[in-house]
């Protein structure tokens, strides 16, 4: 936002004083950048594998070129906000049409089975940060069931993140 004000003093009758000093004040207030959405090529990941994450709708009031970096974090406490405990997963300054992309390796050691919140934050040249945008990823692992004699397998989802197979 920019405001300009011209100021010239007036005499008591409202006429400008021609020989007086004058100044022009311009005030600029920097607005933080924006990230509209964070998405992934899939939300359920079988470890070990890779997942692609996309932060899109990245922009700044001063133009997208004012965005200097977009950082991706794993949320340590699930609040969706940047805290000291959150783990930095990646950083990029490469934006293509307002989209930042990361390819993450999901391993069982670094990503235990369960739900994990990840979020992205954009920064501009002035150091202003966007509000975080987040998604939940569910990490699971592949289980080798060995040789099965019975062809019929049923799947039931009893609770979020728990799948039970009956034979």
Foldseek 3Di string as FASTA:
>chain_A
DKDKDWDFDADPVRHGDVPDDIDIDIDDDFDWWAFDAKDKPDQEAAPFDKIKIKTAPTAGPVGNLQWQKKWKWWDPPPPQADDPPIHTQDMDRDDDNRMDMDMDGDHCVVDPAAKIKMWMWIAGPVGHIYRIHIDIHGYHHDDDPDDDPDPDKDWDDPDVSDIDIDD
